[in-house]
Amino acid sequence: METMLEQIKTQLSHTEDFIVRYFELDNQAAQLIYLESLCDTSKLEISVFKQWFQVKNEEFSKLQLLDVVTAADIGICNNMNDIVHALLEGKALVSYISADHVWYSLNTEQNNVRSLQEPVNEPSIIGERIGFVEQLNVNLNLIRSRASSPQLKISYITLGKHSTYKVAIVWENGVADEQIVKETIRRLSSLETTMEVHPGRLQKVLKEVKYSIFPQVYGTERVDMASNLIMQGRVAILCDHSSTCLIVPVSFYTFLRSVDSLLLGDGTAVILQSLRGIGVFLSIFISSLYIAIVSFHHEVLPSQMAISIKSSLENVPYPPIVEAVMMIIIFQMIAEATIRLPTQIAQMVGVAGGIIISESLVKVGFVSNVYIVIVALSVIGSFMIPTYQMRIFTFIIQMLLVFGAWILGFYGIVMLTSAFLIHFFSLEPFGVPYCLPIRSRAK
């Protein structure tokens, strides 16, 4: 047994938070091992030590080790890998010294869970105020309590080489396509990494087309949104130590939906979706259309408007493409800064930074006052999109179209848009058309 303890210490690099506690039960020497940085000592006291002293003091007759332990979850570890993995999960292991290869693992891990609150990145006006947390069991409890259905099915897989990370796949049995569920499990199981397993890494193996600019995996921290999609036949992937729930398969339309549009009824949902569609159009096309018009196609504007725009460009010393790219990047930097800063400071930076920088750039002649309005409309349109993944997508498309308009004008915009649409209509993550409900699944 001492040899096995030395092997365990070697596997754990002789860390000093590895604790060994010896005791005696029914005239047999026993021992308890655990990592004090991962274990909850109060659970150990209740599950082992309290019962052990009670047996010792009151002299119960012939109680075995399993009769003393009161932990809810007791497992058996027969080899070194199981022992080390159990210790790293926060479990305590107990065994008789005479039993060389049999250890019993107890669920004594610490549960450091933050309180339930509304996700900061996905606010809602009339939706629920509960979001996922970084504890897998709590997240599964939130889904089960909301999607209360006997058909709700949960499957666990373990990923990682050196460290094991628990991942849960959740779907509605009989509603979700079994082939999609099997393909999801197959892709996740193919991940072999020595690094931390988190939703960002899982998205890479879940993508149908690795280098597509379209987001193919939907991530949310809202319990109501995830439960709604699961009940519609989607498959959810939850990773331990993460508050992001991944949903597959999804369509482009899924990224433009919000919980408010689901709760306010069909009429209101159509209005909200139409406004978001306008916002997507503005964020993608308005800057490139401005570049194409002022560089190549002045004739599409009324003469007075063309003269006004040209007069505003007289003091700008470089081509419109430079001011376009510069202002897009500046506004994106301001937006990113407001996301990372505390709320009180972010509001001041967003308003003051946008106004001061814009006015200063116009006064010194770096940009035209017309393009300030254009880029402001573009940023507002992107902020109408409810998901951060889609906002990144619109930024990439916007930059590509700006360069296309600078080179070929309207022809560049049309050619790039046609290429995007061809890829858009041909994309089928998990065999489901990405352009639903425009094109059905039937071929």
Protein backbone atom coordinates (compact mmCIF):
# COMPACT_ATOMS: atom_id res chain seq x y z
CA MET A 1 0.00 0.00 0.00
CA GLU A 2 2.89 2.38 0.74
CA THR A 3 4.19 1.68 -2.74
CA MET A 4 0.83 2.67 -4.23
CA LEU A 5 0.80 5.88 -2.19
CA GLU A 6 4.23 6.76 -3.54
CA GLN A 7 3.00 6.13 -7.07
CA ILE A 8 -0.01 8.41 -6.46
CA LYS A 9 2.26 11.15 -5.07
CA THR A 10 4.51 10.81 -8.10
CA GLN A 11 1.53 11.12 -10.44
CA LEU A 12 0.52 14.29 -8.58
CA SER A 13 4.10 15.68 -8.70
CA HIS A 14 4.43 15.37 -4.88
CA THR A 15 2.07 18.29 -4.34
CA GLU A 16 1.81 19.43 -0.73
CA ASP A 17 -1.99 19.64 -0.69
CA PHE A 18 -2.18 15.82 -0.96
CA ILE A 19 -3.36 14.62 2.46
CA VAL A 20 -3.20 11.08 3.88
CA ARG A 21 -5.20 10.27 7.04
CA TYR A 22 -4.82 6.91 8.82
CA PHE A 23 -7.47 5.41 11.10
CA GLU A 24 -8.64 2.02 12.35
CA LEU A 25 -12.01 0.36 11.79
CA ASP A 26 -13.05 -3.05 13.09
CA ASN A 27 -9.44 -3.76 14.07
CA GLN A 28 -8.31 -3.14 10.51
CA ALA A 29 -6.00 -0.33 9.47
CA ALA A 30 -7.57 2.02 6.92
CA GLN A 31 -6.55 5.26 5.26
CA LEU A 32 -8.15 8.27 3.64
CA ILE A 33 -6.51 10.33 0.88
CA TYR A 34 -7.66 13.59 -0.74
CA LEU A 35 -6.50 16.94 -2.13
CA GLU A 36 -7.37 19.54 0.47
CA SER A 37 -7.54 22.31 -2.15
CA LEU A 38 -10.39 20.51 -3.95
CA CYS A 39 -12.23 18.74 -1.13
CA ASP A 40 -14.88 20.13 1.17
CA THR A 41 -13.65 19.18 4.65
CA SER A 42 -17.13 19.54 6.14
CA LYS A 43 -18.37 16.77 3.82
CA LEU A 44 -15.44 14.61 4.90
CA GLU A 45 -16.29 15.15 8.55
CA ILE A 46 -19.92 14.14 8.00
CA SER A 47 -19.28 11.25 5.60
CA VAL A 48 -16.28 9.62 7.30
CA PHE A 49 -14.88 11.06 10.51
CA LYS A 50 -18.14 11.57 12.40
CA GLN A 51 -19.32 8.05 11.61
CA TRP A 52 -15.90 6.61 12.36
CA PHE A 53 -15.74 8.15 15.86
CA GLN A 54 -19.33 7.11 16.52
CA VAL A 55 -18.51 3.51 15.65
CA LYS A 56 -15.35 3.66 17.74
CA ASN A 57 -17.01 5.16 20.82
CA GLU A 58 -20.30 3.23 20.87
CA GLU A 59 -18.60 -0.04 19.87
CA PHE A 60 -20.94 -1.19 17.14
CA SER A 61 -20.28 -4.76 16.17
CA LYS A 62 -18.51 -5.69 12.97
CA LEU A 63 -19.33 -2.70 10.76
CA GLN A 64 -17.54 -2.73 7.43
CA LEU A 65 -16.08 0.28 5.69
CA LEU A 66 -19.06 0.82 3.37
CA ASP A 67 -21.42 0.60 6.38
CA VAL A 68 -19.67 3.59 7.95
CA VAL A 69 -19.38 5.88 4.94
CA THR A 70 -22.50 8.01 4.39
CA ALA A 71 -21.57 9.77 1.13
CA ALA A 72 -24.34 9.83 -1.48
CA ASP A 73 -22.08 8.83 -4.37
CA ILE A 74 -19.59 6.02 -3.79
CA GLY A 75 -17.46 4.67 -6.63
CA ILE A 76 -14.78 2.00 -6.91
CA CYS A 77 -11.30 2.75 -8.25
CA ASN A 78 -9.19 -0.24 -9.23
CA ASN A 79 -6.26 1.33 -11.10
CA MET A 80 -3.92 4.27 -10.87
CA ASN A 81 -5.61 6.38 -13.57
CA ASP A 82 -9.02 6.11 -11.88
CA ILE A 83 -7.50 7.07 -8.54
CA VAL A 84 -5.70 10.15 -9.88
CA HIS A 85 -8.74 11.30 -11.88
CA ALA A 86 -10.99 10.90 -8.84
CA LEU A 87 -8.60 12.98 -6.72
CA LEU A 88 -8.44 15.73 -9.37
CA GLU A 89 -12.25 15.84 -9.45
CA GLY A 90 -12.23 16.70 -5.74
CA LYS A 91 -13.19 13.27 -4.46
CA ALA A 92 -11.77 11.62 -1.36
CA LEU A 93 -10.67 7.98 -1.46
CA VAL A 94 -10.77 5.54 1.43
CA SER A 95 -9.51 1.96 1.68
CA TYR A 96 -8.26 -0.72 4.01
CA ILE A 97 -4.48 -0.87 3.97
CA SER A 98 -4.68 -4.63 3.42
CA ALA A 99 -6.75 -4.11 0.23
CA ASP A 100 -4.01 -3.14 -2.21
CA HIS A 101 -6.07 -2.27 -5.26
CA VAL A 102 -9.58 -1.35 -4.05
CA TRP A 103 -10.35 2.27 -3.21
CA TYR A 104 -13.78 3.80 -2.60
CA SER A 105 -14.27 7.34 -3.91
CA LEU A 106 -16.60 9.72 -2.07
CA ASN A 107 -18.29 12.84 -3.47
CA THR A 108 -16.66 15.46 -1.25
CA GLU A 109 -15.76 18.07 -3.88
CA GLN A 110 -16.16 21.77 -3.15
CA ASN A 111 -19.10 23.47 -4.82
CA ASN A 112 -18.18 27.09 -5.42
CA VAL A 113 -21.22 28.33 -7.34
CA ARG A 114 -22.05 31.97 -7.94
CA SER A 115 -25.64 33.11 -7.50
CA LEU A 116 -28.09 32.88 -10.40
CA GLN A 117 -28.48 36.15 -12.27
CA GLU A 118 -29.41 37.50 -15.69
CA PRO A 119 -26.65 37.19 -18.32
CA VAL A 120 -24.98 40.56 -18.84
CA ASN A 121 -24.34 39.91 -22.54
CA GLU A 122 -27.92 38.85 -23.33
CA PRO A 123 -30.32 41.19 -21.53
CA SER A 124 -34.08 40.83 -22.00
CA ILE A 125 -37.02 43.13 -21.34
CA ILE A 126 -39.70 40.56 -20.47
CA GLY A 127 -37.71 37.30 -20.39
CA GLU A 128 -36.49 35.38 -17.35
CA ARG A 129 -33.74 36.75 -15.17
CA ILE A 130 -31.83 33.48 -14.81
CA GLY A 131 -28.72 32.51 -16.72
CA PHE A 132 -26.32 29.59 -16.68
CA VAL A 133 -23.45 29.44 -14.17
CA GLU A 134 -20.09 27.65 -14.18
CA GLN A 135 -21.39 24.47 -12.51
CA LEU A 136 -22.57 21.68 -14.82
CA ASN A 137 -25.02 20.09 -12.38
CA VAL A 138 -26.65 23.45 -11.66
CA ASN A 139 -27.04 24.16 -15.39
CA LEU A 140 -28.63 20.75 -16.00
CA ASN A 141 -30.97 21.39 -13.09
CA LEU A 142 -32.04 24.70 -14.65
CA ILE A 143 -32.79 23.01 -17.98
CA ARG A 144 -34.64 20.09 -16.40
CA SER A 145 -36.75 22.33 -14.20
CA ARG A 146 -37.78 24.48 -17.17
CA ALA A 147 -38.04 21.86 -19.92
CA SER A 148 -39.95 19.47 -17.68
CA SER A 149 -40.34 16.49 -19.97
CA PRO A 150 -39.79 12.74 -19.47
CA GLN A 151 -38.29 12.62 -22.97
CA LEU A 152 -35.44 14.96 -22.03
CA LYS A 153 -32.26 12.91 -22.34
CA ILE A 154 -28.77 13.64 -21.01
CA SER A 155 -25.57 11.88 -22.05
CA TYR A 156 -22.12 12.47 -20.54
CA ILE A 157 -18.75 12.20 -22.25
CA THR A 158 -15.27 12.87 -20.87
CA LEU A 159 -12.73 14.79 -22.95
CA GLY A 160 -9.03 15.56 -22.56
CA LYS A 161 -5.82 13.53 -22.31
CA HIS A 162 -4.10 14.55 -19.09
CA SER A 163 -7.07 16.29 -17.45
CA THR A 164 -10.63 15.03 -17.83
CA TYR A 165 -13.43 17.46 -18.52
CA LYS A 166 -17.06 16.44 -18.24
CA VAL A 167 -19.35 17.45 -21.11
CA ALA A 168 -23.13 16.90 -21.18
CA ILE A 169 -25.19 16.48 -24.35
CA VAL A 170 -28.88 17.30 -23.86
CA TRP A 171 -31.71 16.65 -26.32
CA GLU A 172 -35.42 15.87 -26.47
CA ASN A 173 -35.74 12.19 -27.28
CA GLY A 174 -38.20 11.61 -30.12
CA VAL A 175 -38.02 15.24 -31.27
CA ALA A 176 -34.32 15.64 -32.05
CA ASP A 177 -32.94 13.72 -35.03
CA GLU A 178 -31.03 10.66 -33.77
CA GLN A 179 -28.49 10.97 -36.57
CA ILE A 180 -27.69 14.53 -35.50
CA VAL A 181 -27.29 13.40 -31.88
CA LYS A 182 -24.92 10.59 -32.90
CA GLU A 183 -22.92 12.91 -35.15
CA THR A 184 -22.64 15.47 -32.34
CA ILE A 185 -21.31 12.84 -29.92
CA ARG A 186 -18.91 11.52 -32.59
CA ARG A 187 -17.44 14.96 -33.30
CA LEU A 188 -17.05 15.80 -29.63
CA SER A 189 -15.42 12.43 -28.90
CA SER A 190 -12.88 13.06 -31.66
CA LEU A 191 -11.41 16.00 -29.72
CA GLU A 192 -8.01 15.04 -28.34
CA THR A 193 -6.27 17.85 -26.55
CA THR A 194 -3.96 18.38 -23.61
CA MET A 195 -5.34 21.90 -23.12
CA GLU A 196 -8.42 23.09 -21.28
CA VAL A 197 -11.74 22.04 -22.79
CA HIS A 198 -14.12 24.98 -23.12
CA PRO A 199 -16.99 25.97 -25.48
CA GLY A 200 -14.67 27.88 -27.81
CA ARG A 201 -12.62 24.73 -28.40
CA LEU A 202 -15.73 22.58 -28.78
CA GLN A 203 -17.08 24.88 -31.50
CA LYS A 204 -14.09 24.05 -33.69
CA VAL A 205 -14.90 20.33 -33.79
CA LEU A 206 -18.65 20.96 -34.20
CA LYS A 207 -18.28 23.12 -37.31
CA GLU A 208 -19.38 21.56 -40.61
CA VAL A 209 -17.15 23.82 -42.73
CA LYS A 210 -14.00 24.72 -40.79
CA TYR A 211 -13.17 27.97 -42.62
CA SER A 212 -16.67 29.37 -43.15
CA ILE A 213 -17.21 32.98 -42.06
CA PHE A 214 -20.78 32.14 -41.04
CA PRO A 215 -21.24 31.13 -37.38
CA GLN A 216 -22.45 27.52 -37.29
CA VAL A 217 -22.78 26.90 -33.54
CA TYR A 218 -25.09 29.02 -31.41
CA GLY A 219 -23.87 29.95 -27.93
CA THR A 220 -26.12 31.33 -25.21
CA GLU A 221 -26.13 31.91 -21.47
CA ARG A 222 -29.91 32.20 -21.24
CA VAL A 223 -31.76 29.20 -19.77
CA ASP A 224 -35.07 30.09 -21.45
CA MET A 225 -33.49 30.37 -24.91
CA ALA A 226 -31.58 27.10 -24.57
CA SER A 227 -34.64 25.24 -23.25
CA ASN A 228 -36.80 26.58 -26.07
CA LEU A 229 -34.33 25.40 -28.72
CA ILE A 230 -33.98 21.98 -27.07
CA MET A 231 -37.76 21.50 -27.12
CA GLN A 232 -37.71 22.37 -30.84
CA GLY A 233 -35.35 19.46 -31.56
CA ARG A 234 -31.94 21.06 -31.20
CA VAL A 235 -29.03 19.45 -29.33
CA ALA A 236 -27.41 21.34 -26.44
CA ILE A 237 -23.80 20.90 -25.28
CA LEU A 238 -22.86 22.00 -21.77
CA CYS A 239 -19.28 21.99 -20.52
CA ASP A 240 -18.27 21.94 -16.88
CA HIS A 241 -16.72 25.19 -15.55
CA SER A 242 -18.45 27.23 -18.29
CA SER A 243 -21.67 29.25 -18.39
CA THR A 244 -22.07 29.03 -22.18
CA CYS A 245 -24.48 26.51 -23.68
CA LEU A 246 -23.80 25.48 -27.30
CA ILE A 247 -26.73 24.62 -29.59
CA VAL A 248 -26.57 22.60 -32.85
CA PRO A 249 -27.79 22.55 -35.55
CA VAL A 250 -28.82 26.15 -36.12
CA SER A 251 -29.77 28.37 -39.03
CA PHE A 252 -28.88 31.96 -39.81
CA TYR A 253 -32.31 32.96 -38.54
CA THR A 254 -31.52 31.56 -35.06
CA PHE A 255 -28.80 34.17 -34.50
CA LEU A 256 -31.27 36.99 -35.14
CA ARG A 257 -33.88 35.79 -32.66
CA SER A 258 -34.26 36.96 -29.09
CA VAL A 259 -36.34 35.76 -26.17
CA ASP A 260 -38.47 38.90 -26.37
CA SER A 261 -39.61 38.05 -29.89
CA LEU A 262 -40.65 34.59 -28.67
CA LEU A 263 -42.71 35.92 -25.75
CA LEU A 264 -44.40 38.93 -27.38
CA GLY A 265 -46.37 37.04 -30.03
CA ASP A 266 -46.15 36.59 -33.79
CA GLY A 267 -47.08 40.14 -34.81
CA THR A 268 -44.55 41.80 -32.54
CA ALA A 269 -41.95 39.18 -33.45
CA VAL A 270 -42.31 40.03 -37.16
CA ILE A 271 -41.79 43.73 -36.40
CA LEU A 272 -38.73 43.06 -34.24
CA GLN A 273 -37.25 40.68 -36.80
CA SER A 274 -37.83 43.25 -39.55
CA LEU A 275 -36.02 45.91 -37.53
CA ARG A 276 -33.12 43.52 -36.97
CA GLY A 277 -33.06 42.75 -40.68
CA ILE A 278 -32.75 46.46 -41.41
CA GLY A 279 -29.98 46.69 -38.81
CA VAL A 280 -28.09 43.79 -40.42
CA PHE A 281 -28.43 45.43 -43.86
CA LEU A 282 -27.13 48.76 -42.57
CA SER A 283 -24.21 47.22 -40.69
CA ILE A 284 -23.14 45.20 -43.74
CA PHE A 285 -23.84 47.41 -46.77
CA ILE A 286 -24.11 51.09 -45.89
CA SER A 287 -20.35 51.75 -45.65
CA SER A 288 -19.55 49.89 -48.88
CA LEU A 289 -22.39 51.67 -50.71
CA TYR A 290 -20.98 55.02 -49.58
CA ILE A 291 -17.49 54.09 -50.87
CA ALA A 292 -18.88 52.91 -54.20
CA ILE A 293 -20.99 56.05 -54.71
CA VAL A 294 -18.35 58.65 -53.84
CA SER A 295 -15.62 56.77 -55.77
CA PHE A 296 -17.42 55.57 -58.92
CA HIS A 297 -21.16 56.16 -59.14
CA HIS A 298 -21.95 59.81 -58.39
CA GLU A 299 -24.84 59.71 -60.88
CA VAL A 300 -27.09 57.62 -58.58
CA LEU A 301 -27.49 60.59 -56.21
CA PRO A 302 -29.48 63.79 -56.78
CA SER A 303 -27.20 66.58 -57.94
CA GLN A 304 -27.56 68.67 -54.78
CA MET A 305 -26.73 65.72 -52.54
CA ALA A 306 -23.73 64.78 -54.71
CA ILE A 307 -22.42 68.36 -54.53
CA SER A 308 -22.87 68.41 -50.73
CA ILE A 309 -21.00 65.13 -50.27
CA LYS A 310 -18.20 66.21 -52.60
CA SER A 311 -17.80 69.51 -50.74
CA SER A 312 -17.45 67.62 -47.45
CA LEU A 313 -14.70 65.50 -49.00
CA GLU A 314 -12.61 68.46 -50.23
CA ASN A 315 -10.71 68.82 -46.94
CA VAL A 316 -10.00 65.07 -46.62
CA PRO A 317 -6.45 64.48 -47.97
CA TYR A 318 -6.79 60.76 -48.77
CA PRO A 319 -9.23 58.42 -50.58
CA PRO A 320 -12.59 57.48 -48.97
CA ILE A 321 -11.38 53.93 -48.31
CA VAL A 322 -8.87 55.21 -45.75
CA GLU A 323 -11.42 57.19 -43.75
CA ALA A 324 -13.88 54.29 -43.97
CA VAL A 325 -11.48 51.70 -42.62
CA MET A 326 -10.13 54.08 -39.98
CA MET A 327 -13.58 55.04 -38.64
CA ILE A 328 -14.86 51.44 -38.65
CA ILE A 329 -11.84 50.33 -36.63
CA ILE A 330 -12.12 53.27 -34.21
CA PHE A 331 -15.79 52.63 -33.50
CA GLN A 332 -15.14 48.91 -33.06
CA MET A 333 -12.36 49.74 -30.60
CA ILE A 334 -14.72 52.00 -28.63
CA ALA A 335 -17.38 49.28 -28.61
CA GLU A 336 -14.87 46.68 -27.43
CA ALA A 337 -13.58 49.01 -24.72
CA THR A 338 -17.09 49.62 -23.37
CA ILE A 339 -17.63 45.86 -23.16
CA ARG A 340 -14.47 45.24 -21.12
CA LEU A 341 -14.75 48.23 -18.77
CA PRO A 342 -16.97 48.43 -15.66
CA THR A 343 -20.51 49.61 -16.42
CA GLN A 344 -20.19 53.07 -14.86
CA ILE A 345 -16.97 53.87 -16.74
CA ALA A 346 -18.11 52.18 -19.98
CA GLN A 347 -21.07 54.54 -20.42
CA MET A 348 -18.85 57.59 -20.08
CA VAL A 349 -16.19 56.18 -22.43
CA GLY A 350 -18.76 55.17 -25.04
CA VAL A 351 -20.56 58.52 -25.20
CA ALA A 352 -17.63 60.88 -24.58
CA GLY A 353 -15.20 58.87 -26.69
CA GLY A 354 -17.53 58.61 -29.68
CA ILE A 355 -18.53 62.29 -29.67
CA ILE A 356 -15.09 63.77 -28.93
CA ILE A 357 -13.21 61.59 -31.40
CA SER A 358 -15.77 62.13 -34.17
CA GLU A 359 -15.85 65.90 -33.79
CA SER A 360 -12.06 66.14 -33.56
CA LEU A 361 -11.52 64.02 -36.68
CA VAL A 362 -13.98 66.14 -38.66
CA LYS A 363 -12.39 69.43 -37.53
CA VAL A 364 -8.85 68.39 -38.43
CA GLY A 365 -10.01 67.05 -41.79
CA PHE A 366 -9.31 63.36 -41.24
CA VAL A 367 -12.86 62.29 -42.14
CA SER A 368 -15.91 63.91 -43.69
CA ASN A 369 -18.96 64.79 -41.61
CA VAL A 370 -21.12 62.71 -43.96
CA TYR A 371 -19.22 59.53 -43.24
CA ILE A 372 -19.59 60.09 -39.47
CA VAL A 373 -23.35 59.63 -39.99
CA ILE A 374 -22.75 56.59 -42.19
CA VAL A 375 -20.50 54.78 -39.71
CA ALA A 376 -22.83 55.68 -36.81
CA LEU A 377 -25.77 54.05 -38.62
CA SER A 378 -23.58 51.02 -39.31
CA VAL A 379 -22.62 50.63 -35.64
CA ILE A 380 -26.20 51.11 -34.44
CA GLY A 381 -27.37 48.49 -36.92
CA SER A 382 -24.79 45.98 -35.65
CA PHE A 383 -25.84 46.58 -32.04
CA MET A 384 -29.42 45.62 -32.93
CA ILE A 385 -28.18 42.06 -33.51
CA PRO A 386 -28.78 40.06 -30.28
CA THR A 387 -25.80 37.67 -30.56
CA TYR A 388 -22.12 38.60 -30.32
CA GLN A 389 -21.17 35.89 -32.85
CA MET A 390 -23.33 37.50 -35.55
CA ARG A 391 -21.93 40.96 -34.79
CA ILE A 392 -18.42 39.64 -35.47
CA PHE A 393 -19.68 38.10 -38.72
CA THR A 394 -21.20 41.39 -39.89
CA PHE A 395 -17.94 43.22 -39.10
CA ILE A 396 -15.96 40.79 -41.30
CA ILE A 397 -18.48 41.03 -44.17
CA GLN A 398 -18.55 44.82 -43.84
CA MET A 399 -14.76 45.10 -44.21
CA LEU A 400 -14.68 42.75 -47.21
CA LEU A 401 -17.45 44.68 -48.97
CA VAL A 402 -15.73 48.01 -48.28
CA PHE A 403 -12.59 46.81 -50.06
CA GLY A 404 -14.68 45.32 -52.88
CA ALA A 405 -16.49 48.64 -53.35
CA TRP A 406 -13.18 50.52 -53.34
CA ILE A 407 -11.79 48.33 -56.15
CA LEU A 408 -14.83 47.80 -58.42
CA GLY A 409 -17.66 49.92 -57.02
CA PHE A 410 -21.14 48.41 -57.29
CA TYR A 411 -19.68 45.52 -59.31
CA GLY A 412 -17.41 44.56 -56.41
CA ILE A 413 -20.33 44.64 -53.97
CA VAL A 414 -22.50 42.50 -56.27
CA MET A 415 -19.73 39.96 -56.91
CA LEU A 416 -18.87 39.52 -53.22
CA THR A 417 -22.54 39.40 -52.22
CA SER A 418 -23.18 36.72 -54.84
CA ALA A 419 -20.26 34.66 -53.51
CA PHE A 420 -21.56 34.97 -49.93
CA LEU A 421 -25.09 33.98 -50.99
CA ILE A 422 -23.84 30.92 -52.90
CA HIS A 423 -21.94 29.76 -49.83
CA PHE A 424 -24.90 30.69 -47.61
CA PHE A 425 -27.40 28.57 -49.56
CA SER A 426 -25.01 25.62 -49.90
CA LEU A 427 -24.06 25.44 -46.21
CA GLU A 428 -25.71 22.52 -44.38
CA PRO A 429 -24.39 22.02 -40.82
CA PHE A 430 -25.38 18.52 -39.62
CA GLY A 431 -27.37 18.05 -42.83
CA VAL A 432 -29.78 20.90 -42.02
CA PRO A 433 -29.91 23.86 -44.47
CA TYR A 434 -28.33 26.94 -42.94
CA CYS A 435 -30.83 29.16 -44.75
CA LEU A 436 -33.93 27.76 -43.04
CA PRO A 437 -36.79 28.65 -43.38
CA ILE A 438 -35.94 29.99 -46.87
CA ARG A 439 -35.04 26.50 -48.11
CA SER A 440 -36.48 23.32 -46.67
CA ARG A 441 -34.43 20.29 -45.72
CA ALA A 442 -35.93 18.16 -48.52
CA LYS A 443 -33.83 18.05 -51.68
